[in-house]
Protein backbone atom coordinates (compact mmCIF):
# COMPACT_ATOMS: atom_id res chain seq x y z
CA MET A 1 -0.20 0.14 0.35
CA SER A 2 2.20 2.84 -1.25
CA HIS A 3 0.52 6.06 -0.53
CA VAL A 4 -3.36 4.59 -0.63
CA LEU A 5 -4.18 4.46 3.16
CA GLU A 6 -3.95 8.19 3.76
CA HIS A 7 -6.80 8.46 1.08
CA PHE A 8 -9.19 6.05 2.53
CA HIS A 9 -12.43 7.58 4.15
CA ASP A 10 -12.17 4.78 6.55
CA PRO A 11 -8.28 3.25 6.95
CA VAL A 12 -9.27 1.13 9.72
CA ALA A 13 -11.91 -0.98 7.85
CA ALA A 14 -9.16 -0.85 4.86
CA LEU A 15 -6.14 -2.25 7.04
CA HIS A 16 -9.13 -5.15 8.48
CA ASP A 17 -9.97 -6.15 4.63
CA ALA A 18 -6.26 -6.44 4.51
CA LEU A 19 -5.70 -8.78 7.32
CA LYS A 20 -8.88 -10.45 5.84
CA LEU A 21 -6.96 -10.93 2.38
CA LEU A 22 -3.84 -12.25 2.90
CA LYS A 23 -2.68 -15.51 4.25
CA PRO A 24 -1.81 -16.51 7.74
CA GLY A 25 2.37 -15.32 7.77
CA GLY A 26 0.98 -12.64 4.99
CA ARG A 27 3.17 -9.43 4.95
CA ILE A 28 1.72 -5.87 4.32
CA TRP A 29 3.86 -2.75 3.37
CA VAL A 30 2.43 0.68 4.05
CA LYS A 31 4.13 3.86 2.99
CA VAL A 32 2.10 6.90 3.78
CA PRO A 33 3.24 10.66 4.12
CA ASN A 34 4.39 11.57 7.58
CA LEU A 35 2.38 14.13 9.74
CA ALA A 36 5.61 14.75 11.70
CA ALA A 37 7.57 15.66 8.96
CA LEU A 38 10.14 18.56 8.70
CA SER A 39 8.52 19.76 5.60
CA HIS A 40 4.83 19.81 8.00
CA ARG A 41 6.75 22.15 10.85
CA TYR A 42 8.72 24.04 8.58
CA PHE A 43 5.71 24.98 6.03
CA LYS A 44 2.74 23.94 8.35
CA GLN A 45 -0.77 23.95 6.62
CA ASN A 46 1.38 24.70 3.47
CA ALA A 47 3.15 21.37 3.78
CA PHE A 48 2.51 19.67 0.51
CA LEU A 49 2.24 16.02 2.32
CA LEU A 50 -0.94 17.12 3.23
CA ASP A 51 -2.42 17.89 -0.25
CA PRO A 52 -5.99 18.15 0.55
CA PRO A 53 -8.65 17.27 -0.57
CA ARG A 54 -6.89 14.12 -1.84
CA HIS A 55 -5.33 13.11 1.96
CA LEU A 56 -7.92 12.36 3.81
CA VAL A 57 -6.55 10.89 7.05
CA MET A 58 -2.95 11.63 7.92
CA PHE A 59 -0.67 9.35 10.02
CA ASP A 60 3.03 9.62 11.43
CA GLY A 61 4.42 6.36 12.46
CA ALA A 62 3.66 5.80 16.16
CA SER A 63 0.12 5.88 15.16
CA LEU A 64 0.43 3.81 11.91
CA ALA A 65 2.23 1.34 13.85
CA ALA A 66 -0.59 1.27 16.77
CA LEU A 67 -3.28 1.10 13.93
CA LEU A 68 -1.76 -1.56 12.42
CA SER A 69 -1.46 -2.98 15.75
CA LYS A 70 -4.94 -2.36 16.97
CA VAL A 71 -5.99 -4.28 14.02
CA GLY A 72 -4.35 -7.57 14.18
CA PHE A 73 -0.78 -7.33 12.85
CA THR A 74 1.83 -8.53 14.64
CA GLY A 75 5.53 -8.04 13.83
CA VAL A 76 4.86 -4.00 13.37
CA THR A 77 8.58 -2.86 12.42
CA THR A 78 8.98 0.63 10.77
CA LEU A 79 11.90 1.01 8.43
CA PRO A 80 14.62 3.52 7.75
CA PRO A 81 13.62 6.24 5.75
CA SER A 82 15.09 6.55 2.36
CA LEU A 83 16.94 9.63 0.87
CA LEU A 84 14.77 9.73 -2.09
CA ASP A 85 11.47 9.99 -0.26
CA GLN A 86 13.07 13.15 1.31
CA LYS A 87 13.23 15.20 -2.23
CA ASN A 88 10.82 17.57 -3.56
CA PHE A 89 8.45 17.87 -0.32
CA TYR A 90 10.15 21.44 0.38
CA GLY A 91 9.76 22.24 -3.71
CA GLY A 92 5.92 21.96 -3.20
CA GLY A 93 5.65 23.57 0.35
CA TRP A 94 7.23 26.77 -1.31
CA MET A 95 4.98 26.11 -4.44
CA ILE A 96 1.64 26.23 -2.06
CA SER A 97 2.61 28.93 0.14
CA GLN A 98 3.52 31.39 -3.10
CA GLY A 99 -0.29 30.33 -4.11
CA PHE A 100 0.93 28.05 -6.84
CA ASP A 101 -0.12 24.64 -7.96
CA PRO A 102 2.46 22.27 -6.98
CA MET A 103 1.33 19.50 -9.28
CA SER A 104 1.27 21.56 -12.35
CA ALA A 105 3.24 20.40 -15.28
CA SER A 106 6.15 23.45 -15.26
CA PRO A 107 7.26 23.48 -11.62
CA LEU A 108 8.97 26.74 -10.57
CA ASN A 109 12.54 26.86 -9.21
CA VAL A 110 12.69 27.22 -5.65
CA PRO A 111 14.68 30.06 -4.87
CA SER A 112 18.04 28.74 -3.30
CA SER A 113 17.65 30.62 0.08
CA VAL A 114 14.38 28.28 0.85
CA LYS A 115 16.26 25.34 0.07
CA ALA A 116 19.47 26.55 2.51
CA ASP A 117 16.87 26.86 4.95
CA VAL A 118 15.42 23.53 4.39
CA LEU A 119 18.55 21.83 4.06
CA LYS A 120 19.41 23.62 7.35
CA THR A 121 16.73 22.33 9.12
CA TYR A 122 17.25 18.40 7.73
CA SER A 123 21.24 18.97 9.19
CA GLN A 124 19.87 20.23 12.71
CA ALA A 125 17.07 17.06 12.71
CA THR A 126 17.90 15.31 16.24
CA GLU A 127 15.48 12.42 14.60
CA PHE A 128 16.07 12.10 10.87
CA PHE A 129 14.06 8.33 11.27
CA ASN A 130 10.79 10.08 13.12
CA ASP A 131 11.17 13.65 11.19
CA ALA A 132 11.61 11.81 7.31
CA GLU A 133 8.57 13.19 4.94
CA VAL A 134 7.53 9.03 4.86
CA VAL A 135 6.90 6.42 6.67
CA THR A 136 7.02 2.87 5.87
CA ILE A 137 5.67 -0.19 7.69
CA ILE A 138 5.43 -3.82 7.29
CA ALA A 139 3.45 -6.16 9.25
CA THR A 140 2.37 -9.28 9.36
CA LYS A 141 -0.98 -11.40 9.60
CA PRO A 142 -0.47 -13.73 12.57
CA VAL A 143 -0.35 -17.49 11.85
């Protein structure tokens, strides 16, 4: 479920359905935007990861892990963030803050001062694992 769960009106029901579909011992892989991400703290309501109105429910690592466990999955494990997942979130946030459509065919160049500020913010992050733009978790259906 790569960038899927945040689009459901009822993610709990979707995960219950996924659990039913899996064979015992089967695994689910879930990737969602991270509500605790640095870009959300930096751009606040203009953060690209919020993506209204398409993103209906937002998660951070802890809330997604807790939900998977509550639904009945075991072995819930958060995977380390990928640097590839970090790109473009600051550019999208900057475009939104300036009133531009971040999904436009011809994206604007983000000013170097914004890039430098965001890179400084990332370099000062003490919990990159939790501050990443995307959360990826795997879990298992009990045998």
